[in-house]
Amino acid sequence: LFFAVVAGIMLTSAVTLAVNPAQWIEDSSLEDGMKQPTSEELDALDVDALNLGYSGDELSQFCSTNEQAMSNVYVQEYKIPTKCTQPLAITVDPSGLVWFVETNTGNVVKFDPTTEMFTEYDNLVWKNVEKIFVAAAIDNNVEPTKLRSMMWGIDYFPDGSIWFTDETTDAIWKFSIDDESYNRISYSQTVLDKASLPQKLVIEGSKIIINDFSGGRLSFLDYAQDKQGLKHYAIPAIMDKAVTSGFAIDLDKNVWYTNWIPSGQGILVKFDYPGYEFQTTQGEITHGLLLQDFVEWYNFPTGLNTPNGVAVGPDQKIWLADTSSNNFFSFDPKTEKFTKYVTSIPTVDSYGNASGVIKNPVSNPYWIEHHAGYLIMNQHNANRIGVFNPYSETLVEYTIPSRNPNWADCEGIDYCGVAQVFDFAADGKKIWFTEWVENNIGVVDTSILPPFSINIDREQITLEKGQTIQLALEVNALVSNTFDVNVNSSSTSTFSDIIITHENNFSLSGDTTITIEIMASEHALSGTHKVLLGAYTDDIAVSQFITVTVV
């Protein structure tokens, strides 16, 4: 495999030459014979008059079921002034200002935590793109819809600009803060005749790194000194028909990312970014460089299926969030071994189970990031944000108070559902996040202590098949009032190899010791598992991993 190389991608706000309406309309029969709208048609078109926005039941499903933002002890939400914006990617600039993008409007928004004020910057370029798509649909007898896009990636550039990705129109955007202007880059210019979906975006020095999810590539865009264009090269997928999801950069500037086939195999890839850069400066012919000279890859372990999030931890281990399960994994580059971890099982108010058919609820950790020695992940199907300490192997999970029942099995249940927390950004002790279907942003304040602490009398145990052992879980109150607490347990084992029993809830006042029984089933497979034990209230869960080996 060779590197795919394209140079001189221009920044432009002249969208008429860079937009492909046929791709957005998703009708391949129109690719060759599609009618293009004239300038006169575009001038005459009033998109707002067509009422293409959400209506009926869609309004509560996508725009919010709660008129007011909510809060608890650890989380404060803020309602966005404009209705139904569907916020997604979020970041924090060096001055502490919060920036995010709205998938339903194309706008960049600033939030000042000090004044608690929102500033929404109207994206006129986006509106022009929408006009082109809507007019093209009408001209070709296709039902027009409002322009919406999942904007998964955002970052702040030191020149005072915000960059973000745009899935629907296959683009990268630059928002200049000083003059409040937008520029759109057609991402399809980077690799012709390939399906693409620009997803996460990270600024690294003068480089803009983007994973092309459906195209399977990892793109490196070098912001030119004259700021008139972008030099680009891309790493193609190592596996045929594989997607490329999130990525992270280690201390040696190697880029770690994943290639995987949905419901199939996958690999963790290490790209020697500095080595490639050095070779290009030595006069090598760029398009002749072989991919295998700069990459190493490692097959996924059993149980790792859809790792969207990738992070490099404080000890330079690689961490992966598996979106289709309750699991997250570490990979040690020194030993080349994976270790499987598990989140808490979602509480019933996140998935509802009104039908009674849900037997094994999953938390779906989506993205994972390293911040100040901790790993942070959004468990979007559990409506929680988790903070994991990789040294002590403790996990604290914060509950998001707003819930939308239209995204879970909630019929007839009053407080139920998820807010679809699809992105987050850490700044100091605060974790900022967006709620895609509740029209909120929010912040977790991790400096606020939980109302209790926990301690487990053993960190490692060994069990023979059929053997049971008892552990003591100490729960120590850190506040004076009495409150209800639930016992928390989950395991990385499969097929009930590990069985955990304990009382489910109790009232805490002072210190309490809970007896936990852990049994290896008669038919358990030999192996090592992580077991998560702890306690939780409505607002917070505090848990500790122990290692259980079955022999």
Protein backbone atom coordinates (compact mmCIF):
# COMPACT_ATOMS: atom_id res chain seq x y z
CA LEU A 1 0.00 0.00 0.00
CA PHE A 2 1.15 3.51 -0.84
CA PHE A 3 0.32 6.82 0.74
CA ALA A 4 -2.48 8.78 -0.91
CA VAL A 5 -1.24 12.32 -1.53
CA VAL A 6 -3.03 15.49 -2.55
CA ALA A 7 -1.52 18.99 -2.34
CA GLY A 8 -2.92 22.49 -2.35
CA ILE A 9 -6.49 22.12 -1.11
CA MET A 10 -7.85 25.64 -1.15
CA LEU A 11 -9.86 27.37 1.52
CA THR A 12 -12.99 28.80 -0.03
CA SER A 13 -16.37 30.23 0.75
CA ALA A 14 -17.44 29.91 -2.90
CA VAL A 15 -19.46 26.80 -2.22
CA THR A 16 -21.15 26.42 -5.61
CA LEU A 17 -18.07 24.75 -7.10
CA ALA A 18 -17.37 22.46 -4.16
CA VAL A 19 -20.82 21.07 -3.30
CA ASN A 20 -22.15 17.76 -4.62
CA PRO A 21 -25.95 17.72 -4.12
CA ALA A 22 -26.27 14.19 -5.52
CA GLN A 23 -24.20 12.84 -2.65
CA TRP A 24 -26.46 14.54 -0.10
CA ILE A 25 -29.67 13.48 -1.82
CA GLU A 26 -28.37 9.90 -1.73
CA ASP A 27 -29.68 8.97 -5.17
CA SER A 28 -26.90 7.38 -7.21
CA SER A 29 -29.05 7.46 -10.35
CA LEU A 30 -28.70 11.24 -10.38
CA GLU A 31 -24.89 11.33 -10.39
CA ASP A 32 -24.52 11.74 -14.17
CA GLY A 33 -27.79 13.35 -15.23
CA MET A 34 -28.55 15.55 -12.26
CA LYS A 35 -29.98 18.98 -12.97
CA GLN A 36 -28.04 21.77 -11.29
CA PRO A 37 -29.97 24.79 -9.95
CA THR A 38 -29.36 28.10 -11.68
CA SER A 39 -28.33 31.26 -9.86
CA GLU A 40 -31.79 32.69 -10.58
CA GLU A 41 -33.45 29.69 -8.92
CA LEU A 42 -31.21 30.03 -5.88
CA ASP A 43 -31.97 33.74 -5.55
CA ALA A 44 -35.70 33.08 -5.70
CA LEU A 45 -35.73 30.18 -3.25
CA ASP A 46 -36.92 30.84 0.32
CA VAL A 47 -35.92 27.73 2.26
CA ASP A 48 -37.59 28.91 5.49
CA ALA A 49 -40.95 29.14 3.72
CA LEU A 50 -40.79 25.41 2.92
CA ASN A 51 -41.00 24.47 6.64
CA LEU A 52 -38.49 21.63 6.34
CA GLY A 53 -37.75 21.45 10.06
CA TYR A 54 -38.87 18.80 12.52
CA SER A 55 -42.61 18.48 13.13
CA GLY A 56 -45.04 16.45 15.21
CA ASP A 57 -43.44 13.75 17.35
CA GLU A 58 -40.03 14.60 15.88
CA LEU A 59 -39.96 17.82 17.89
CA SER A 60 -39.81 16.02 21.24
CA GLN A 61 -37.54 13.30 19.87
CA PHE A 62 -34.85 15.60 18.43
CA CYS A 63 -35.45 19.03 19.96
CA SER A 64 -35.98 18.40 23.70
CA THR A 65 -38.68 17.11 26.02
CA ASN A 66 -37.75 19.54 28.81
CA GLU A 67 -38.27 23.28 28.58
CA GLN A 68 -35.73 23.95 31.33
CA ALA A 69 -32.16 22.76 31.80
CA MET A 70 -31.65 20.54 34.83
CA SER A 71 -28.95 20.07 37.45
CA ASN A 72 -27.78 17.89 40.31
CA VAL A 73 -24.97 18.19 42.86
CA TYR A 74 -22.23 17.56 40.28
CA VAL A 75 -23.77 18.60 36.95
CA GLN A 76 -25.12 21.95 35.75
CA GLU A 77 -26.91 22.19 32.40
CA TYR A 78 -27.57 25.27 30.27
CA LYS A 79 -30.40 25.57 27.74
CA ILE A 80 -29.33 26.94 24.34
CA PRO A 81 -31.41 30.06 23.49
CA THR A 82 -32.23 28.96 19.94
CA LYS A 83 -34.57 25.97 19.90
CA CYS A 84 -33.66 22.63 18.35
CA THR A 85 -30.02 23.29 17.47
CA GLN A 86 -28.78 19.73 18.23
CA PRO A 87 -25.32 20.57 19.64
CA LEU A 88 -22.57 18.04 19.09
CA ALA A 89 -18.78 18.63 18.96
CA ILE A 90 -17.44 20.78 21.81
CA THR A 91 -14.06 22.21 22.84
CA VAL A 92 -12.57 24.73 25.27
CA ASP A 93 -10.06 27.37 24.14
CA PRO A 94 -6.97 28.42 26.16
CA SER A 95 -8.88 31.28 27.81
CA GLY A 96 -11.59 28.94 29.13
CA LEU A 97 -14.32 29.87 26.64
CA VAL A 98 -16.46 26.95 25.51
CA TRP A 99 -17.12 26.45 21.78
CA PHE A 100 -19.49 23.99 20.12
CA VAL A 101 -21.26 23.42 16.80
CA GLU A 102 -24.96 22.98 16.09
CA THR A 103 -25.81 20.16 13.70
CA ASN A 104 -29.22 21.61 12.86
CA THR A 105 -28.00 25.11 11.97
CA GLY A 106 -24.31 24.83 10.98
CA ASN A 107 -23.50 27.56 13.51
CA VAL A 108 -20.51 27.82 15.83
CA VAL A 109 -21.50 28.91 19.34
CA LYS A 110 -19.46 30.47 22.14
CA PHE A 111 -20.41 30.01 25.79
CA ASP A 112 -18.78 32.15 28.46
CA PRO A 113 -18.75 30.20 31.77
CA THR A 114 -18.23 33.42 33.73
CA THR A 115 -21.26 35.31 32.40
CA GLU A 116 -23.20 32.15 31.39
CA MET A 117 -23.98 33.84 28.08
CA PHE A 118 -24.28 32.18 24.65
CA THR A 119 -23.15 33.85 21.41
CA GLU A 120 -24.36 32.09 18.24
CA TYR A 121 -22.55 33.03 15.02
CA ASP A 122 -24.79 32.85 11.97
CA ASN A 123 -23.31 30.67 9.21
CA LEU A 124 -24.33 32.27 5.92
CA VAL A 125 -22.14 29.88 3.93
CA TRP A 126 -24.09 26.98 5.43
CA LYS A 127 -27.35 28.61 4.39
CA ASN A 128 -26.07 28.93 0.82
CA VAL A 129 -25.10 25.25 0.81
CA GLU A 130 -28.57 24.37 2.07
CA LYS A 131 -30.13 26.41 -0.73
CA ILE A 132 -28.13 24.50 -3.33
CA PHE A 133 -29.14 21.13 -1.92
CA VAL A 134 -32.81 21.99 -1.52
CA ALA A 135 -33.04 23.55 -4.99
CA ALA A 136 -31.27 20.55 -6.53
CA ALA A 137 -33.71 18.18 -4.84
CA ILE A 138 -36.71 20.13 -6.14
CA ASP A 139 -35.28 20.33 -9.68
CA ASN A 140 -34.76 16.56 -9.70
CA ASN A 141 -38.16 15.63 -8.23
CA VAL A 142 -36.70 14.51 -4.91
CA GLU A 143 -38.36 15.38 -1.61
CA PRO A 144 -36.25 18.18 -0.07
CA THR A 145 -35.20 18.04 3.56
CA LYS A 146 -33.51 20.48 5.90
CA LEU A 147 -29.72 20.43 5.84
CA ARG A 148 -28.41 18.74 8.97
CA SER A 149 -25.02 17.21 9.64
CA MET A 150 -23.33 15.22 12.38
CA MET A 151 -20.34 17.38 13.28
CA TRP A 152 -18.18 15.07 15.37
CA GLY A 153 -14.86 16.92 15.44
CA ILE A 154 -13.84 20.38 16.64
CA ASP A 155 -10.65 22.06 17.85
CA TYR A 156 -9.16 25.49 18.46
CA PHE A 157 -6.28 26.68 16.23
CA PRO A 158 -3.69 29.06 17.76
CA ASP A 159 -4.37 31.69 15.06
CA GLY A 160 -7.77 32.32 16.68
CA SER A 161 -9.97 30.03 14.62
CA ILE A 162 -12.28 27.09 15.27
CA TRP A 163 -12.12 24.11 12.92
CA PHE A 164 -14.83 21.45 12.70
CA THR A 165 -15.97 18.56 10.53
CA ASP A 166 -19.21 18.20 8.59
CA GLU A 167 -20.42 14.69 7.78
CA THR A 168 -23.38 15.43 5.49
CA THR A 169 -21.74 17.82 3.03
CA ASP A 170 -18.39 16.01 3.32
CA ALA A 171 -16.50 19.09 4.45
CA ILE A 172 -14.15 20.72 6.94
CA TRP A 173 -14.97 24.22 8.18
CA LYS A 174 -12.87 27.06 9.52
CA PHE A 175 -14.53 29.73 11.66
CA SER A 176 -12.38 32.86 12.17
CA ILE A 177 -13.23 34.35 15.55
CA ASP A 178 -12.00 37.90 14.87
CA ASP A 179 -14.08 38.62 11.78
CA GLU A 180 -16.78 36.00 12.51
CA SER A 181 -16.39 34.46 9.04
CA TYR A 182 -16.79 30.89 7.82
CA ASN A 183 -14.77 29.05 5.19
CA ARG A 184 -15.70 25.61 3.87
CA ILE A 185 -13.25 23.02 2.52
CA SER A 186 -14.69 20.20 0.45
CA TYR A 187 -13.15 17.09 2.00
CA SER A 188 -13.87 15.01 -1.11
CA GLN A 189 -11.08 16.97 -2.83
CA THR A 190 -8.59 15.05 -0.72
CA VAL A 191 -9.23 11.62 -2.26
CA LEU A 192 -11.30 11.44 -5.43
CA ASP A 193 -13.85 8.72 -6.19
CA LYS A 194 -13.95 7.50 -2.60
CA ALA A 195 -16.75 7.57 -0.07
CA SER A 196 -15.76 9.74 2.87
CA LEU A 197 -17.01 10.87 6.26
CA PRO A 198 -14.75 13.34 8.09
CA GLN A 199 -15.30 12.69 11.78
CA LYS A 200 -12.97 13.62 14.68
CA LEU A 201 -10.52 16.51 14.26
CA VAL A 202 -7.42 17.37 16.31
CA ILE A 203 -4.99 20.28 15.93
CA GLU A 204 -1.38 19.14 16.45
CA GLY A 205 1.04 22.03 15.90
CA SER A 206 0.35 23.26 12.36
CA LYS A 207 -1.26 19.93 11.43
CA ILE A 208 -4.96 19.19 11.31
CA ILE A 209 -5.56 15.46 11.76
CA ILE A 210 -8.90 13.94 10.76
CA ASN A 211 -10.21 10.40 10.64
CA ASP A 212 -12.28 9.60 7.56
CA PHE A 213 -14.65 7.06 9.10
CA SER A 214 -16.32 5.48 6.07
CA GLY A 215 -13.38 6.12 3.73
CA GLY A 216 -11.08 4.25 6.11
CA ARG A 217 -8.35 6.88 5.95
CA LEU A 218 -6.46 9.07 8.39
CA SER A 219 -5.82 12.54 6.95
CA PHE A 220 -3.04 14.99 7.76
CA LEU A 221 -3.61 18.55 6.59
CA ASP A 222 -0.71 20.98 6.95
CA TYR A 223 -1.86 24.57 7.33
CA ALA A 224 0.41 26.45 4.88
CA GLN A 225 2.43 29.45 6.06
CA ASP A 226 0.67 31.74 3.61
CA LYS A 227 -2.69 30.44 4.90
CA GLN A 228 -3.97 30.11 1.33
CA GLY A 229 -4.18 26.35 1.22
CA LEU A 230 -3.67 23.03 2.92
CA LYS A 231 -1.08 20.42 2.04
CA HIS A 232 -2.51 16.97 2.55
CA TYR A 233 -1.63 13.31 2.70
CA ALA A 234 -3.67 10.36 3.92
CA ILE A 235 -3.05 6.89 5.31
CA PRO A 236 -5.33 4.42 3.53
CA ALA A 237 -7.07 1.65 5.44
CA ILE A 238 -4.81 -1.32 6.09
CA MET A 239 -7.80 -3.67 6.11
CA ASP A 240 -9.99 -3.83 3.02
CA LYS A 241 -13.47 -2.31 3.53
CA ALA A 242 -12.57 -1.18 7.06
CA VAL A 243 -13.61 2.04 8.78
CA THR A 244 -11.15 4.30 10.57
CA SER A 245 -12.42 5.65 13.88
CA GLY A 246 -10.89 7.83 16.60
CA PHE A 247 -7.16 8.42 17.07
CA ALA A 248 -4.65 9.69 19.62
CA ILE A 249 -1.01 10.83 19.71
CA ASP A 250 1.61 9.50 22.13
CA LEU A 251 4.63 11.33 23.58
CA ASP A 252 6.79 10.24 20.65
CA LYS A 253 4.23 11.74 18.22
CA ASN A 254 3.16 8.32 16.94
CA VAL A 255 -0.51 8.31 15.93
CA TRP A 256 -2.63 5.42 17.23
CA TYR A 257 -5.93 4.62 15.54
CA THR A 258 -8.18 1.69 14.64
CA ASN A 259 -9.26 -0.03 11.44
CA TRP A 260 -12.25 -2.32 11.84
CA ILE A 261 -15.03 -3.93 9.87
CA PRO A 262 -18.47 -3.62 11.53
CA SER A 263 -19.40 -7.04 12.92
CA GLY A 264 -16.01 -8.29 11.77
CA GLN A 265 -12.32 -8.11 12.54
CA GLY A 266 -10.26 -5.10 13.55
CA ILE A 267 -6.75 -3.88 14.28
CA LEU A 268 -5.09 -1.22 16.41
CA VAL A 269 -2.59 0.69 14.27
CA LYS A 270 0.52 2.65 15.28
CA PHE A 271 1.67 5.14 12.62
CA ASP A 272 5.25 6.42 12.86
CA TYR A 273 4.36 10.00 12.05
CA PRO A 274 7.83 11.48 12.85
CA GLY A 275 9.50 8.79 10.73
CA TYR A 276 7.33 9.61 7.77
CA GLU A 277 7.92 13.35 8.20
CA PHE A 278 11.68 12.78 8.36
CA GLN A 279 11.73 10.71 5.18
CA THR A 280 9.83 13.37 3.27
CA THR A 281 12.41 15.98 4.30
CA GLN A 282 15.23 13.76 3.01
CA GLY A 283 14.07 14.13 -0.57
CA GLU A 284 12.13 10.89 -0.74
CA ILE A 285 9.44 10.62 -3.43
CA THR A 286 6.35 10.88 -1.24
CA HIS A 287 4.03 8.78 -3.36
CA GLY A 288 6.60 5.98 -3.43
CA LEU A 289 6.77 5.53 0.33
CA LEU A 290 5.36 2.19 1.41
CA LEU A 291 2.78 2.19 4.18
CA GLN A 292 4.21 -0.89 5.86
CA ASP A 293 7.49 0.95 6.46
CA PHE A 294 5.75 3.28 8.92
CA VAL A 295 3.03 1.25 10.63
CA GLU A 296 2.67 -1.56 13.13
CA TRP A 297 -0.67 -3.20 13.85
CA TYR A 298 -2.20 -5.49 16.47
CA ASN A 299 -5.30 -7.67 16.14
CA PHE A 300 -8.25 -6.84 18.38
CA PRO A 301 -8.83 -9.16 21.35
CA THR A 302 -12.05 -11.12 21.70
CA GLY A 303 -14.91 -8.83 22.72
CA LEU A 304 -13.56 -5.64 21.18
CA ASN A 305 -15.91 -4.87 18.29
CA THR A 306 -16.60 -1.16 17.71
CA PRO A 307 -13.86 0.98 19.27
CA ASN A 308 -14.78 4.54 18.34
CA GLY A 309 -12.76 6.26 21.05
CA VAL A 310 -8.95 6.03 21.30
CA ALA A 311 -6.75 7.71 23.92
CA VAL A 312 -3.14 7.59 25.10
CA GLY A 313 -3.06 7.34 28.89
CA PRO A 314 -0.63 8.93 31.34
CA ASP A 315 1.57 5.82 31.28
CA GLN A 316 1.47 5.73 27.45
CA LYS A 317 -0.88 2.77 27.35
CA ILE A 318 -3.53 2.96 24.64
CA TRP A 319 -7.17 3.04 25.73
CA LEU A 320 -10.15 2.06 23.57
CA ALA A 321 -13.88 2.59 24.20
CA ASP A 322 -16.10 -0.15 22.73
CA THR A 323 -19.33 1.56 21.68
CA SER A 324 -21.45 -1.58 21.28
CA SER A 325 -20.91 -2.93 24.81
CA ASN A 326 -20.15 -1.97 28.43
CA ASN A 327 -16.43 -2.39 27.89
CA PHE A 328 -13.27 -0.37 27.49
CA PHE A 329 -9.78 -1.76 26.93
CA SER A 330 -6.15 -0.89 27.57
CA PHE A 331 -3.25 -1.92 25.34
CA ASP A 332 0.32 -1.97 26.63
CA PRO A 333 2.77 -1.32 23.75
CA LYS A 334 5.60 -2.87 25.79
CA THR A 335 3.93 -6.24 26.35
CA GLU A 336 1.55 -5.99 23.36
CA LYS A 337 -1.28 -7.20 25.62
CA PHE A 338 -4.87 -5.97 25.92
CA THR A 339 -6.75 -5.72 29.23
CA LYS A 340 -10.54 -5.58 29.31
CA TYR A 341 -12.47 -3.32 31.72
CA VAL A 342 -16.19 -2.74 32.22
CA THR A 343 -18.38 0.23 33.14
CA SER A 344 -21.23 0.05 35.62
CA ILE A 345 -24.41 -1.53 34.28
CA PRO A 346 -26.82 1.26 33.22
CA THR A 347 -29.55 2.07 35.72
CA VAL A 348 -33.12 1.33 34.66
CA ASP A 349 -34.04 5.02 34.31
CA SER A 350 -31.69 5.26 31.30
CA TYR A 351 -33.11 2.34 29.29
CA GLY A 352 -36.59 2.01 30.79
CA ASN A 353 -37.43 -1.56 29.81
CA ALA A 354 -41.15 -0.85 29.68
CA SER A 355 -41.54 -3.80 27.32
CA GLY A 356 -39.56 -6.13 29.58
CA VAL A 357 -37.42 -7.41 26.71
CA ILE A 358 -34.09 -5.82 27.72
CA LYS A 359 -32.08 -8.47 29.56
CA ASN A 360 -28.54 -7.11 29.23
CA PRO A 361 -28.49 -3.29 29.10
CA VAL A 362 -25.30 -1.71 27.78
CA SER A 363 -23.71 1.66 28.54
CA ASN A 364 -22.12 2.20 25.09
CA PRO A 365 -18.97 4.17 25.97
CA TYR A 366 -18.41 6.24 22.83
CA TRP A 367 -15.31 8.45 23.05
CA ILE A 368 -12.45 8.30 25.54
CA GLU A 369 -9.91 11.07 26.30
CA HIS A 370 -6.93 11.49 28.59
CA HIS A 371 -6.93 14.56 30.83
CA ALA A 372 -4.66 15.28 33.81
CA GLY A 373 -3.92 11.63 34.50
CA TYR A 374 -7.51 10.41 34.11
CA LEU A 375 -9.45 8.71 31.30
CA ILE A 376 -12.83 10.31 30.57
CA MET A 377 -15.56 8.61 28.57
CA ASN A 378 -19.14 9.42 27.61
CA GLN A 379 -21.39 6.44 28.33
CA HIS A 380 -24.12 7.79 26.09
CA ASN A 381 -26.59 4.91 26.56
CA ALA A 382 -26.23 5.09 30.36
CA ASN A 383 -26.58 8.90 30.42
CA ARG A 384 -23.34 9.15 32.35
CA ILE A 385 -19.83 10.53 32.06
CA GLY A 386 -17.17 8.28 33.54
CA VAL A 387 -13.80 9.31 34.98
CA PHE A 388 -11.29 6.47 35.38
CA ASN A 389 -8.03 6.56 37.33
CA PRO A 390 -5.73 4.05 35.56
CA TYR A 391 -3.30 3.88 38.51
CA SER A 392 -5.78 3.12 41.31
CA GLU A 393 -8.28 1.52 38.89
CA THR A 394 -11.16 3.49 40.39
CA LEU A 395 -14.12 4.64 38.30
CA VAL A 396 -16.39 7.58 39.15
CA GLU A 397 -19.51 7.96 36.99
CA TYR A 398 -21.59 11.14 36.94
CA THR A 399 -25.27 11.03 35.99
CA ILE A 400 -26.59 13.53 33.41
CA PRO A 401 -29.90 14.83 34.83
CA SER A 402 -31.83 15.53 31.59
CA ARG A 403 -33.42 12.55 29.83
CA ASN A 404 -35.31 12.16 26.57
CA PRO A 405 -37.69 9.15 26.67
CA ASN A 406 -37.89 8.90 22.87
CA TRP A 407 -34.47 7.20 22.75
CA ALA A 408 -35.17 4.32 25.16
CA ASP A 409 -37.86 1.80 26.10
CA CYS A 410 -39.71 4.34 28.24
CA GLU A 411 -43.41 4.10 27.40
CA GLY A 412 -45.45 5.01 30.50
CA ILE A 413 -42.36 5.81 32.61
CA ASP A 414 -42.09 9.40 33.89
CA TYR A 415 -38.34 9.92 34.33
CA CYS A 416 -36.57 7.84 31.71
CA GLY A 417 -34.29 8.01 28.68
CA VAL A 418 -31.04 9.54 27.53
CA ALA A 419 -29.94 13.02 26.43
CA GLN A 420 -27.52 11.62 23.81
CA VAL A 421 -24.28 13.03 25.23
CA PHE A 422 -22.16 12.59 22.10
CA ASP A 423 -19.13 14.73 22.94
CA PHE A 424 -17.23 16.30 25.83
CA ALA A 425 -14.17 18.46 26.53
CA ALA A 426 -12.20 18.66 29.78
CA ASP A 427 -10.81 21.89 31.21
CA GLY A 428 -9.20 21.76 34.65
CA LYS A 429 -11.66 20.09 37.03
CA LYS A 430 -14.60 20.70 34.67
CA ILE A 431 -15.91 18.42 31.92
CA TRP A 432 -18.09 20.24 29.37
CA PHE A 433 -20.49 18.22 27.23
CA THR A 434 -23.36 18.53 24.75
CA GLU A 435 -26.82 16.95 24.80
CA TRP A 436 -27.78 16.32 21.20
CA VAL A 437 -31.52 15.72 21.74
CA GLU A 438 -32.13 18.05 24.70
CA ASN A 439 -30.68 21.28 23.24
CA ASN A 440 -28.37 21.72 26.22
CA ILE A 441 -24.75 21.96 27.04
CA GLY A 442 -23.61 21.03 30.52
CA VAL A 443 -20.64 20.78 32.83
CA VAL A 444 -19.50 18.20 35.38
CA ASP A 445 -17.60 19.64 38.34
CA THR A 446 -15.25 16.86 39.41
CA SER A 447 -13.88 18.98 42.28
CA ILE A 448 -17.06 18.26 44.26
CA LEU A 449 -16.45 15.21 46.44
CA PRO A 450 -18.84 12.23 46.44
CA PRO A 451 -20.94 11.78 49.60
CA PHE A 452 -19.12 8.53 50.39
CA SER A 453 -15.89 6.67 49.82
CA ILE A 454 -15.34 2.95 49.31
CA ASN A 455 -12.69 0.39 50.18
CA ILE A 456 -12.39 -3.28 49.24
CA ASP A 457 -10.33 -5.57 51.46
CA ARG A 458 -8.67 -7.41 48.53
CA GLU A 459 -7.45 -6.27 45.14
CA GLN A 460 -6.76 -9.70 43.63
CA ILE A 461 -8.31 -13.12 44.15
CA THR A 462 -7.83 -16.55 42.59
CA LEU A 463 -10.74 -19.00 42.28
CA GLU A 464 -10.99 -22.60 41.30
CA LYS A 465 -14.01 -23.57 39.21
CA GLY A 466 -17.03 -23.85 41.48
CA GLN A 467 -15.32 -21.97 44.34
CA THR A 468 -16.91 -19.01 46.16
CA ILE A 469 -15.08 -16.33 48.12
CA GLN A 470 -16.37 -13.44 50.26
CA LEU A 471 -15.10 -9.86 50.10
CA ALA A 472 -15.81 -6.89 52.35
CA LEU A 473 -16.93 -3.67 50.65
CA GLU A 474 -16.63 -0.76 53.08
CA VAL A 475 -18.79 2.27 52.33
CA ASN A 476 -17.88 5.32 54.40
CA ALA A 477 -20.22 8.32 54.58
CA LEU A 478 -18.57 11.70 54.04
CA VAL A 479 -21.69 13.73 54.90
CA SER A 480 -23.73 13.86 58.09
CA ASN A 481 -27.20 13.09 56.72
CA THR A 482 -28.63 9.62 56.02
CA PHE A 483 -29.20 8.73 52.37
CA ASP A 484 -30.02 5.72 50.21
CA VAL A 485 -27.18 3.89 48.47
CA ASN A 486 -27.18 1.03 45.95
CA VAL A 487 -24.49 -1.64 45.65
CA ASN A 488 -22.74 -1.68 42.29
CA SER A 489 -21.19 -4.69 40.53
CA SER A 490 -20.25 -5.74 37.00
CA SER A 491 -17.70 -8.04 35.41
CA THR A 492 -15.79 -8.53 32.17
CA SER A 493 -16.52 -12.27 32.22
CA THR A 494 -18.84 -13.83 29.65
CA PHE A 495 -21.35 -16.68 29.83
CA SER A 496 -21.77 -16.20 33.62
CA ASP A 497 -18.26 -17.47 34.31
CA ILE A 498 -18.17 -15.07 37.27
CA ILE A 499 -21.29 -14.78 39.48
CA ILE A 500 -21.52 -11.88 41.94
CA THR A 501 -24.12 -11.71 44.73
CA HIS A 502 -24.80 -9.02 47.34
CA GLU A 503 -27.59 -6.99 48.86
CA ASN A 504 -28.89 -4.37 46.46
CA ASN A 505 -29.44 -1.22 48.55
CA PHE A 506 -29.21 0.20 52.04
CA SER A 507 -29.40 3.46 53.99
CA LEU A 508 -25.99 4.95 54.72
CA SER A 509 -25.24 6.84 57.91
CA GLY A 510 -21.66 6.58 59.05
CA ASP A 511 -19.74 3.50 57.92
CA THR A 512 -21.22 0.29 56.51
CA THR A 513 -19.61 -3.00 55.45
CA ILE A 514 -21.28 -4.99 52.68
CA THR A 515 -20.46 -8.66 52.09
CA ILE A 516 -19.84 -9.50 48.43
CA GLU A 517 -19.76 -13.12 47.25
CA ILE A 518 -17.87 -13.93 44.05
CA MET A 519 -18.15 -17.39 42.57
CA ALA A 520 -16.49 -19.04 39.58
CA SER A 521 -19.09 -21.25 37.89
CA GLU A 522 -18.48 -24.97 37.49
CA HIS A 523 -18.06 -24.52 33.74
CA ALA A 524 -16.03 -21.30 33.83
CA LEU A 525 -13.15 -20.95 31.43
CA SER A 526 -9.73 -20.37 32.92
CA GLY A 527 -8.62 -16.77 32.63
CA THR A 528 -8.28 -13.37 34.27
CA HIS A 529 -11.20 -10.95 34.63
CA LYS A 530 -11.82 -7.46 35.98
CA VAL A 531 -14.67 -7.12 38.48
CA LEU A 532 -16.09 -3.68 39.29
CA LEU A 533 -17.46 -3.21 42.82
CA GLY A 534 -18.76 -0.10 44.53
CA ALA A 535 -21.83 1.95 45.37
CA TYR A 536 -24.01 4.57 43.73
CA THR A 537 -26.75 7.12 44.33
CA ASP A 538 -29.01 8.75 41.74
CA ASP A 539 -26.28 11.28 40.92
CA ILE A 540 -22.93 9.47 41.21
CA ALA A 541 -21.29 6.04 41.26
CA VAL A 542 -17.93 5.28 42.91
CA SER A 543 -16.36 1.91 42.15
CA GLN A 544 -13.11 -0.02 42.31
CA PHE A 545 -11.74 -2.81 40.10
CA ILE A 546 -10.38 -6.03 41.50
CA THR A 547 -8.66 -8.75 39.47
CA VAL A 548 -10.19 -12.24 39.54
CA THR A 549 -8.27 -15.19 38.11
CA VAL A 550 -10.06 -18.48 37.43
CA VAL A 551 -7.79 -21.54 37.40
